[in-house]
């Protein structure tokens, strides 16, 4: 592993541990006390904590993490399929595979490698995957934690196949909230969305913000690159910034659906909300040798920071 400053930062601010099932995971830390955990099972972010040690991602108390199965919560990677929009298992196979640490990844832009605790993970197509999706690919994921506690996920998918292929993708992000009835999403108003509760029929969002009173399962199309999720009770706001990810999936199962899910508590819908930066409506098409990049950054700020100021730089990351 060389001895560059970036690698030294990586070694100093990360550690390898195992979860309760013996699966390897990487723990990222900042000097101020923020942390994140990334499991090699699915390259899934399973925890993201602020400087006070408070968890920011939801994980169901009913989930039973094991190899070859994503935990219900955190940030699973949906690839090469989102939902059931193809012939594969739900949300594709990447979240149910063991990834490896990429010791010598191709370089990222300089501003993505300095002053951060990070890990690079790699997934390559296996014989098993080729049976259900016959394409050769390399999927590289960098998860990094900045000194101020923001978490960033950068996915790079390269076509090493002899022919073009296409895929859909999402960072299936489970946010931990105080009370779903107190939550509002700003940044998706006036957009068209596909409603999965109405056979993916297309509607236009009419509200000045999205609030929750029943089950929601939607894909908002051609969305801005910055979205805010305001938690009124906690007086804090999740800021979601994204690149290369035009769609946003919003999901809360509400009461009835929750009771039908074996890995989800009956009342847990009140404390979670999925807001996924994604590519769903128009899949990514890659020719041989081409690479796609999708970037997500999550940060948390006092709610007084947001509101009208959000609109000033929506297109800027």
Protein backbone atom coordinates (compact mmCIF):
# COMPACT_ATOMS: atom_id res chain seq x y z
CA UNK A 1 0.00 0.00 0.00
CA UNK A 2 2.54 2.84 -0.62
CA UNK A 3 3.22 5.58 1.91
CA UNK A 4 1.48 8.63 0.49
CA UNK A 5 -0.15 11.13 2.85
CA UNK A 6 -3.59 9.99 1.68
CA UNK A 7 -2.81 6.38 2.54
CA UNK A 8 -1.39 7.40 5.91
CA UNK A 9 -4.64 9.29 6.66
CA UNK A 10 -6.56 6.18 5.68
CA UNK A 11 -4.60 3.96 8.05
CA UNK A 12 -4.65 6.41 10.94
CA UNK A 13 -8.37 7.12 10.83
CA UNK A 14 -9.79 3.67 10.01
CA UNK A 15 -9.83 0.27 11.61
CA UNK A 16 -10.95 -3.18 10.57
CA UNK A 17 -13.31 -5.02 12.91
CA UNK A 18 -15.94 -7.75 12.63
CA UNK A 19 -19.66 -7.55 13.32
CA UNK A 20 -21.59 -10.02 15.50
CA UNK A 21 -21.72 -12.47 12.61
CA UNK A 22 -17.99 -12.37 11.97
CA UNK A 23 -18.32 -10.28 8.79
CA UNK A 24 -15.48 -7.78 8.30
CA UNK A 25 -16.32 -4.11 8.53
CA UNK A 26 -14.36 -0.87 8.30
CA UNK A 27 -14.83 1.86 10.90
CA UNK A 28 -14.10 5.43 9.79
CA UNK A 29 -13.53 8.13 12.41
CA UNK A 30 -12.85 11.86 12.62
CA UNK A 31 -10.77 13.57 15.33
CA UNK A 32 -13.96 15.33 16.46
CA UNK A 33 -15.74 12.03 17.19
CA UNK A 34 -17.95 11.40 14.15
CA UNK A 35 -17.86 7.85 12.78
CA UNK A 36 -19.19 5.51 10.09
CA UNK A 37 -19.21 1.74 9.70
CA UNK A 38 -19.03 0.02 6.33
CA UNK A 39 -19.63 -3.72 6.03
CA UNK A 40 -17.83 -5.73 3.37
CA UNK A 41 -21.14 -7.59 3.08
CA UNK A 42 -22.80 -5.54 0.32
CA UNK A 43 -20.47 -2.54 0.86
CA UNK A 44 -23.32 -1.37 3.08
CA UNK A 45 -22.92 1.65 5.34
CA UNK A 46 -24.45 0.32 8.56
CA UNK A 47 -23.85 3.30 10.84
CA UNK A 48 -23.20 7.04 10.60
CA UNK A 49 -22.82 8.97 13.85
CA UNK A 50 -22.31 12.66 14.51
CA UNK A 51 -19.67 14.17 16.79
CA UNK A 52 -21.91 13.57 19.82
CA UNK A 53 -22.12 9.86 18.97
CA UNK A 54 -25.79 10.07 17.93
CA UNK A 55 -26.84 7.61 15.22
CA UNK A 56 -28.17 9.25 12.03
CA UNK A 57 -29.16 6.15 10.01
CA UNK A 58 -32.08 3.85 10.79
CA UNK A 59 -31.60 0.09 11.20
CA UNK A 60 -34.53 -2.14 12.12
CA UNK A 61 -34.35 -3.96 15.44
CA UNK A 62 -35.83 -6.97 13.62
CA UNK A 63 -33.14 -7.30 10.98
CA UNK A 64 -30.80 -10.27 11.26
CA UNK A 65 -27.65 -9.35 9.32
CA UNK A 66 -25.97 -12.31 7.69
CA UNK A 67 -23.74 -12.98 4.71
CA UNK A 68 -25.48 -12.82 1.33
CA UNK A 69 -28.31 -10.68 2.74
CA UNK A 70 -28.47 -6.93 3.24
CA UNK A 71 -29.51 -5.57 6.63
CA UNK A 72 -32.80 -3.63 6.78
CA UNK A 73 -31.36 -0.16 7.23
CA UNK A 74 -28.21 1.88 6.70
CA UNK A 75 -27.36 2.52 3.05
CA UNK A 76 -27.63 -0.60 0.85
CA UNK A 77 -26.34 -0.33 -2.72
CA UNK A 78 -29.01 -1.12 -5.35
CA UNK A 79 -27.25 -2.37 -8.51
CA UNK A 80 -27.69 -3.30 -11.34
CA UNK A 81 -31.42 -3.01 -10.68
CA UNK A 82 -33.59 -0.83 -8.48
CA UNK A 83 -36.72 -2.38 -7.00
CA UNK A 84 -38.36 -4.99 -9.18
CA UNK A 85 -37.93 -3.15 -12.49
CA UNK A 86 -35.97 -6.03 -14.05
CA UNK A 87 -35.64 -9.80 -13.93
CA UNK A 88 -33.25 -10.01 -10.97
CA UNK A 89 -33.74 -10.28 -7.23
CA UNK A 90 -35.18 -7.16 -5.60
CA UNK A 91 -32.73 -4.22 -5.82
CA UNK A 92 -30.15 -6.34 -7.70
CA UNK A 93 -27.31 -8.47 -6.36
CA UNK A 94 -24.59 -5.98 -5.31
CA UNK A 95 -26.06 -5.50 -1.82
CA UNK A 96 -25.93 -9.28 -1.21
CA UNK A 97 -22.31 -9.89 -2.28
CA UNK A 98 -19.05 -9.81 -0.35
CA UNK A 99 -16.89 -6.91 -1.54
CA UNK A 100 -13.13 -6.59 -1.11
CA UNK A 101 -10.98 -3.65 -0.08
CA UNK A 102 -9.45 -2.06 -3.18
CA UNK A 103 -5.81 -1.51 -2.24
CA UNK A 104 -4.87 0.42 -5.40
CA UNK A 105 -7.93 2.20 -6.79
CA UNK A 106 -7.66 4.51 -9.80
CA UNK A 107 -7.20 8.08 -8.56
CA UNK A 108 -10.14 10.29 -7.70
CA UNK A 109 -10.03 14.09 -8.02
CA UNK A 110 -7.69 15.62 -5.45
CA UNK A 111 -10.54 17.20 -3.46
CA UNK A 112 -11.92 13.71 -2.82
CA UNK A 113 -8.79 12.32 -1.19
CA UNK A 114 -7.45 14.87 1.29
CA UNK A 115 -8.51 15.50 4.86
CA UNK A 116 -10.80 12.50 5.02
CA UNK A 117 -11.04 9.09 6.55
CA UNK A 118 -12.00 6.75 3.70
CA UNK A 119 -12.12 3.22 2.38
CA UNK A 120 -12.23 1.94 -1.21
CA UNK A 121 -14.23 -1.21 -1.94
CA UNK A 122 -14.44 -3.29 -5.12
CA UNK A 123 -16.95 -5.70 -6.63
CA UNK A 124 -16.32 -7.59 -9.86
CA UNK A 125 -18.77 -9.73 -11.80
CA UNK A 126 -18.72 -13.37 -10.71
CA UNK A 127 -19.82 -16.51 -12.54
CA UNK A 128 -22.92 -16.56 -10.36
CA UNK A 129 -23.80 -12.97 -11.27
CA UNK A 130 -23.20 -13.63 -14.97
CA UNK A 131 -26.03 -16.19 -14.94
CA UNK A 132 -28.64 -13.56 -14.11
CA UNK A 133 -26.89 -10.52 -15.61
CA UNK A 134 -24.37 -11.57 -18.30
CA UNK A 135 -22.10 -8.53 -18.28
CA UNK A 136 -18.54 -7.98 -17.06
CA UNK A 137 -18.11 -4.95 -14.82
CA UNK A 138 -15.97 -3.41 -12.10
CA UNK A 139 -17.81 -1.49 -9.38
CA UNK A 140 -15.68 0.71 -7.15
CA UNK A 141 -17.14 2.44 -4.11
CA UNK A 142 -15.36 5.00 -1.96
CA UNK A 143 -16.94 5.82 1.40
CA UNK A 144 -15.39 8.81 3.13
CA UNK A 145 -15.99 10.84 6.26
CA UNK A 146 -14.90 14.48 6.22
CA UNK A 147 -13.43 16.21 9.26
CA UNK A 148 -16.79 17.95 9.84
CA UNK A 149 -18.64 14.60 9.85
CA UNK A 150 -20.22 14.60 6.37
CA UNK A 151 -20.37 11.18 4.72
CA UNK A 152 -19.74 10.79 0.99
CA UNK A 153 -20.26 7.75 -1.24
CA UNK A 154 -18.75 7.75 -4.73
CA UNK A 155 -19.68 4.85 -7.02
CA UNK A 156 -17.80 4.14 -10.24
CA UNK A 157 -19.07 1.42 -12.56
CA UNK A 158 -16.88 0.45 -15.52
CA UNK A 159 -17.96 -1.69 -18.47
CA UNK A 160 -15.21 -4.26 -19.13
CA UNK A 161 -17.65 -6.22 -21.29
CA UNK A 162 -17.35 -6.63 -25.04
CA UNK A 163 -20.80 -5.11 -25.56
CA UNK A 164 -22.88 -2.27 -24.10
CA UNK A 165 -25.00 -2.78 -21.01
CA UNK A 166 -27.47 -0.74 -18.99
CA UNK A 167 -28.41 -0.64 -15.31
CA UNK A 168 -30.46 1.22 -12.73
CA UNK A 169 -29.00 2.25 -9.39
CA UNK A 170 -29.80 3.75 -5.98
CA UNK A 171 -28.23 4.57 -2.66
CA UNK A 172 -31.12 3.14 -0.59
CA UNK A 173 -30.67 5.56 2.32
CA UNK A 174 -32.58 4.88 5.56
CA UNK A 175 -32.61 8.13 7.56
CA UNK A 176 -33.34 7.98 11.29
CA UNK A 177 -36.04 10.52 12.18
CA UNK A 178 -37.79 11.52 15.40
CA UNK A 179 -41.37 11.13 14.12
CA UNK A 180 -42.36 10.64 10.47
CA UNK A 181 -45.44 12.86 10.95
CA UNK A 182 -43.08 15.76 11.82
CA UNK A 183 -40.88 15.38 8.71
CA UNK A 184 -40.94 17.43 5.52
CA UNK A 185 -38.85 17.15 2.38
CA UNK A 186 -37.98 20.32 0.47
CA UNK A 187 -36.58 20.31 -3.06
CA UNK A 188 -39.00 17.90 -4.77
CA UNK A 189 -42.02 20.21 -5.06
CA UNK A 190 -43.55 20.66 -8.56
CA UNK A 191 -41.69 17.58 -9.87
CA UNK A 192 -43.24 14.66 -11.72
CA UNK A 193 -43.13 11.34 -9.90
CA UNK A 194 -43.96 7.70 -10.54
CA UNK A 195 -46.26 6.27 -7.86
CA UNK A 196 -45.43 2.64 -7.07
CA UNK A 197 -48.71 2.37 -5.16
CA UNK A 198 -50.59 3.13 -8.40
CA UNK A 199 -48.84 0.86 -10.93
CA UNK A 200 -46.10 3.47 -11.48
CA UNK A 201 -48.59 6.01 -12.80
CA UNK A 202 -47.09 9.45 -13.35
CA UNK A 203 -48.27 12.41 -11.24
CA UNK A 204 -47.04 15.93 -10.48
CA UNK A 205 -46.23 16.91 -6.90
CA UNK A 206 -48.70 19.59 -5.77
CA UNK A 207 -47.51 20.39 -2.24
CA UNK A 208 -44.98 23.08 -1.31
CA UNK A 209 -43.14 20.30 0.57
CA UNK A 210 -43.60 16.56 1.02
CA UNK A 211 -45.13 15.48 4.33
CA UNK A 212 -46.29 12.06 5.53
CA UNK A 213 -49.72 10.83 6.62
CA UNK A 214 -49.81 7.39 4.97
CA UNK A 215 -47.67 4.96 2.97
CA UNK A 216 -45.47 6.63 0.34
CA UNK A 217 -43.53 4.84 -2.40
CA UNK A 218 -42.56 7.24 -5.18
CA UNK A 219 -39.78 8.02 -7.64
CA UNK A 220 -39.34 11.74 -8.25
CA UNK A 221 -37.88 12.49 -11.68
CA UNK A 222 -35.27 15.01 -12.89
CA UNK A 223 -34.68 16.29 -9.37
CA UNK A 224 -32.33 19.08 -8.25
CA UNK A 225 -28.90 18.12 -6.92
CA UNK A 226 -29.69 19.21 -3.36
CA UNK A 227 -32.60 18.03 -1.22
CA UNK A 228 -33.41 18.83 2.42
CA UNK A 229 -35.16 16.55 4.92
CA UNK A 230 -36.33 18.68 7.86
CA UNK A 231 -36.92 17.04 11.24
CA UNK A 232 -39.06 19.54 13.14
CA UNK A 233 -38.87 17.79 16.50
CA UNK A 234 -35.07 17.47 16.49
CA UNK A 235 -34.63 20.91 14.90
CA UNK A 236 -32.13 19.43 12.48
CA UNK A 237 -32.01 18.89 8.72
CA UNK A 238 -30.40 16.26 6.55
CA UNK A 239 -28.87 17.81 3.44
CA UNK A 240 -28.64 15.39 0.52
CA UNK A 241 -26.29 16.46 -2.28
CA UNK A 242 -25.85 14.32 -5.38
CA UNK A 243 -24.23 14.10 -8.81
CA UNK A 244 -25.04 11.74 -11.67
CA UNK A 245 -28.25 10.68 -9.89
CA UNK A 246 -31.26 12.42 -11.45
CA UNK A 247 -34.03 10.61 -9.58
CA UNK A 248 -35.04 10.46 -5.91
CA UNK A 249 -36.99 7.54 -4.46
CA UNK A 250 -39.03 8.33 -1.33
CA UNK A 251 -40.42 5.49 0.79
CA UNK A 252 -42.14 4.95 4.10
CA UNK A 253 -44.13 1.71 4.55
CA UNK A 254 -46.54 3.08 7.18
CA UNK A 255 -48.51 0.84 9.52
CA UNK A 256 -50.10 -1.87 7.36
CA UNK A 257 -47.04 -2.62 5.23
CA UNK A 258 -44.78 -2.60 8.31
CA UNK A 259 -46.79 -5.42 9.89
CA UNK A 260 -46.30 -7.59 6.79
CA UNK A 261 -42.48 -7.26 6.80
CA UNK A 262 -40.68 -9.93 8.84
CA UNK A 263 -37.47 -7.89 9.22
CA UNK A 264 -39.19 -4.67 10.30
CA UNK A 265 -40.90 -3.72 13.57
CA UNK A 266 -44.63 -2.92 13.50
CA UNK A 267 -44.09 0.63 14.78
CA UNK A 268 -40.66 1.34 13.31
CA UNK A 269 -42.07 3.22 10.30
CA UNK A 270 -42.43 6.20 12.66
CA UNK A 271 -38.64 6.53 13.05
CA UNK A 272 -37.46 6.03 9.46
CA UNK A 273 -37.61 7.54 6.00
CA UNK A 274 -35.88 6.35 2.84
CA UNK A 275 -34.73 9.15 0.52
CA UNK A 276 -32.65 7.54 -2.23
CA UNK A 277 -30.45 9.34 -4.73
CA UNK A 278 -30.94 7.16 -7.81
CA UNK A 279 -31.00 6.49 -11.54
CA UNK A 280 -34.30 4.73 -12.23
CA UNK A 281 -36.49 6.14 -15.02
CA UNK A 282 -33.74 6.24 -17.68
CA UNK A 283 -31.10 3.57 -16.99
CA UNK A 284 -27.40 4.26 -17.39
CA UNK A 285 -26.03 2.92 -20.68
CA UNK A 286 -22.31 2.11 -20.83
CA UNK A 287 -20.36 1.19 -23.94
CA UNK A 288 -17.29 -1.07 -23.60
CA UNK A 289 -14.59 0.72 -21.58
CA UNK A 290 -16.88 3.51 -20.40
CA UNK A 291 -17.30 4.44 -16.73
CA UNK A 292 -20.21 6.00 -14.85
CA UNK A 293 -19.90 7.93 -11.59
CA UNK A 294 -22.65 8.60 -9.04
CA UNK A 295 -21.89 10.71 -5.97
CA UNK A 296 -23.87 11.19 -2.76
CA UNK A 297 -23.01 13.46 0.16
CA UNK A 298 -25.01 13.51 3.39
CA UNK A 299 -24.65 16.20 6.00
CA UNK A 300 -26.71 17.36 8.96
CA UNK A 301 -27.26 20.97 10.01
CA UNK A 302 -29.52 22.87 12.43
CA UNK A 303 -32.90 23.41 10.76
CA UNK A 304 -32.53 27.19 11.03
CA UNK A 305 -29.81 26.83 8.37
CA UNK A 306 -32.30 25.78 5.69
CA UNK A 307 -35.65 27.00 4.51
CA UNK A 308 -35.48 29.68 1.82
CA UNK A 309 -31.69 29.57 1.60
CA UNK A 310 -31.88 26.09 0.14
CA UNK A 311 -32.91 27.38 -3.28
CA UNK A 312 -29.83 29.53 -3.75
CA UNK A 313 -27.44 26.73 -4.72
CA UNK A 314 -29.57 23.71 -5.56
CA UNK A 315 -27.57 22.90 -8.67
CA UNK A 316 -24.22 23.20 -6.92
CA UNK A 317 -22.56 20.37 -5.02
